[in-house]
Amino acid sequence: ILRASLYGVTSLHQEPCGGSKTNARKWSFQQVTPGSIAWAAVIAIFLLLPDTEFPGSGVGKSSTINYKDLFFQYKKLLITKWETKRIKNITTNINRYVFGVAKLSTSMDPAGTEDFSEEINRAMLALDMETDSKEDTPPVLSALSSVPSAAPV
């Protein structure tokens, strides 16, 4: 999904040519971010469900999935776990597939900019702790459990 969005559908069948009109070049997009991964995951779910449009409310008409909340839950999870070995391995593999080379997830900030990742991680962890004390099931899982299952064939 990311590769097609950044380089066009033909990039799924051949190496991206990196022309000047690609979204990747327009947006100076060189490696994945927590938001881009969360977006692609939500788009994949949307494409697999019977919904035909994203309403302004963020809730699918047919599936009743709250896509907006799902996106923010995925992004929050990725931000809080971004520096873990597992997420670094995943982002390296996604970067290798989407961009053709392995990008280091820790080099996400261009040189010369301030790195607030530790402060963001601490804030997100604090929010995560508050959420854990209020509910037993993470919102992502509870949102997915409301998806109607397909009838057996």
Protein backbone atom coordinates (compact mmCIF):
# COMPACT_ATOMS: atom_id res chain seq x y z
CA ILE A 1 0.00 0.00 0.00
CA LEU A 2 2.77 2.43 0.89
CA ARG A 3 4.83 1.58 -2.16
CA ALA A 4 1.87 2.02 -4.51
CA SER A 5 0.89 5.29 -2.81
CA LEU A 6 4.40 6.70 -2.99
CA TYR A 7 5.60 5.40 -6.39
CA GLY A 8 2.44 4.38 -8.25
CA VAL A 9 0.77 1.03 -8.84
CA THR A 10 3.35 -0.06 -11.44
CA SER A 11 6.00 -0.04 -8.69
CA LEU A 12 4.38 -3.20 -7.32
CA HIS A 13 5.54 -5.06 -10.45
CA GLN A 14 8.83 -3.31 -11.15
CA GLU A 15 11.42 -1.21 -9.36
CA PRO A 16 10.32 2.41 -8.87
CA CYS A 17 12.03 4.67 -11.38
CA GLY A 18 12.04 7.60 -8.94
CA GLY A 19 10.66 10.08 -11.43
CA SER A 20 10.15 13.66 -10.36
CA LYS A 21 6.38 13.26 -10.17
CA THR A 22 6.25 10.51 -7.55
CA ASN A 23 4.58 11.26 -4.24
CA ALA A 24 7.72 10.07 -2.48
CA ARG A 25 9.73 12.81 -4.17
CA LYS A 26 7.01 15.48 -3.82
CA TRP A 27 6.75 14.82 -0.08
CA SER A 28 10.50 14.15 0.46
CA PHE A 29 9.49 10.80 1.86
CA GLN A 30 12.58 8.61 2.36
CA GLN A 31 11.60 6.18 5.12
CA VAL A 32 8.54 5.03 6.97
CA THR A 33 7.18 6.76 10.05
CA PRO A 34 4.78 5.53 12.73
CA GLY A 35 2.01 7.50 11.02
CA SER A 36 2.69 6.06 7.58
CA ILE A 37 2.69 2.49 8.88
CA ALA A 38 -0.52 3.10 10.85
CA TRP A 39 -2.12 4.70 7.79
CA ALA A 40 -1.20 1.73 5.57
CA ALA A 41 -2.55 -0.74 8.14
CA VAL A 42 -5.87 1.09 8.37
CA ILE A 43 -6.13 1.32 4.57
CA ALA A 44 -5.50 -2.44 4.33
CA ILE A 45 -8.28 -3.12 6.84
CA PHE A 46 -10.60 -0.72 5.00
CA LEU A 47 -9.95 -2.48 1.69
CA LEU A 48 -10.78 -5.87 3.22
CA LEU A 49 -14.09 -4.74 4.73
CA PRO A 50 -17.38 -3.89 3.03
CA ASP A 51 -17.12 -0.11 3.63
CA THR A 52 -17.00 1.93 0.44
CA GLU A 53 -16.01 5.34 1.81
CA PHE A 54 -14.46 7.08 4.81
CA PRO A 55 -17.22 9.14 6.42
CA GLY A 56 -16.37 12.34 8.29
CA SER A 57 -17.03 10.59 11.60
CA GLY A 58 -14.29 8.06 10.91
CA VAL A 59 -16.70 5.15 11.51
CA GLY A 60 -17.37 2.72 8.69
CA LYS A 61 -21.05 2.59 7.70
CA SER A 62 -21.18 -1.17 7.07
CA SER A 63 -18.44 -2.45 9.38
CA THR A 64 -18.93 0.09 12.20
CA ILE A 65 -15.14 0.11 12.60
CA ASN A 66 -13.85 3.43 13.92
CA TYR A 67 -10.99 3.89 11.44
CA LYS A 68 -9.89 7.16 13.02
CA ASP A 69 -9.46 5.59 16.47
CA LEU A 70 -7.81 2.55 14.94
CA PHE A 71 -5.26 4.77 13.19
CA PHE A 72 -4.44 6.65 16.39
CA GLN A 73 -4.15 3.42 18.41
CA TYR A 74 -1.76 1.88 15.86
CA LYS A 75 0.28 5.08 15.70
CA LYS A 76 0.44 5.31 19.50
CA LEU A 77 1.60 1.71 19.74
CA LEU A 78 4.29 2.27 17.11
CA ILE A 79 5.52 5.47 18.75
CA THR A 80 5.81 3.84 22.18
CA LYS A 81 7.56 0.75 20.78
CA TRP A 82 9.56 2.49 18.01
CA GLU A 83 12.99 1.82 19.55
CA THR A 84 12.38 -1.87 20.30
CA LYS A 85 14.28 -4.48 18.34
CA ARG A 86 11.10 -6.01 16.88
CA ILE A 87 9.75 -2.71 15.54
CA LYS A 88 13.18 -1.74 14.20
CA ASN A 89 13.32 -5.05 12.31
CA ILE A 90 9.83 -4.49 10.92
CA THR A 91 10.58 -0.91 9.82
CA THR A 92 13.86 -2.00 8.23
CA ASN A 93 12.00 -4.63 6.19
CA ILE A 94 9.25 -2.19 5.19
CA ASN A 95 11.85 0.43 4.20
CA ARG A 96 13.75 -2.16 2.18
CA TYR A 97 10.59 -3.12 0.29
CA VAL A 98 9.15 0.37 -0.18
CA PHE A 99 12.36 2.30 -0.87
CA GLY A 100 14.63 -0.47 -2.13
CA VAL A 101 17.25 0.01 0.58
CA ALA A 102 17.37 -0.50 4.32
CA LYS A 103 16.86 2.75 6.21
CA LEU A 104 17.63 3.09 9.88
CA SER A 105 14.51 3.96 11.84
CA THR A 106 16.62 5.96 14.30
CA SER A 107 17.77 8.32 11.55
CA MET A 108 14.23 9.55 10.99
CA ASP A 109 15.08 13.13 11.99
CA PRO A 110 17.26 15.08 9.56
CA ALA A 111 20.52 16.43 10.95
CA GLY A 112 20.20 19.68 12.80
CA THR A 113 16.70 19.14 14.17
CA GLU A 114 15.93 18.47 17.78
CA ASP A 115 15.08 14.92 18.77
CA PHE A 116 12.09 14.81 21.10
CA SER A 117 11.55 11.05 20.80
CA GLU A 118 12.41 10.32 24.45
CA GLU A 119 9.98 12.98 25.70
CA ILE A 120 7.27 11.71 23.34
CA ASN A 121 7.89 8.11 24.42
CA ARG A 122 7.60 9.05 28.11
CA ALA A 123 4.35 10.95 27.47
CA MET A 124 2.91 8.10 25.40
CA LEU A 125 3.87 5.55 28.06
CA ALA A 126 2.16 7.66 30.71
CA LEU A 127 -0.98 7.78 28.57
CA ASP A 128 -0.72 4.04 28.02
CA MET A 129 -0.55 3.41 31.77
CA GLU A 130 -3.69 5.51 32.34
CA THR A 131 -5.51 3.58 29.61
CA ASP A 132 -4.46 0.20 31.02
CA SER A 133 -5.91 1.02 34.42
CA LYS A 134 -9.30 1.99 32.91
CA GLU A 135 -9.97 -0.96 30.65
CA ASP A 136 -9.00 -4.57 30.15
CA THR A 137 -9.16 -4.77 26.36
CA PRO A 138 -7.06 -2.42 24.21
CA PRO A 139 -9.26 -0.26 21.93
CA VAL A 140 -7.60 -1.72 18.83
CA LEU A 141 -8.65 -5.24 19.78
CA SER A 142 -12.13 -4.22 20.87
CA ALA A 143 -12.61 -2.32 17.59
CA LEU A 144 -11.60 -5.37 15.57
CA SER A 145 -13.83 -7.68 17.62
CA SER A 146 -16.85 -5.72 16.40
CA VAL A 147 -16.10 -6.69 12.77
CA PRO A 148 -18.81 -9.02 11.51
CA SER A 149 -17.35 -12.40 10.64
CA ALA A 150 -17.88 -13.96 7.24
CA ALA A 151 -20.33 -16.82 6.96
CA PRO A 152 -18.67 -20.23 6.69
CA VAL A 153 -18.42 -21.62 3.19
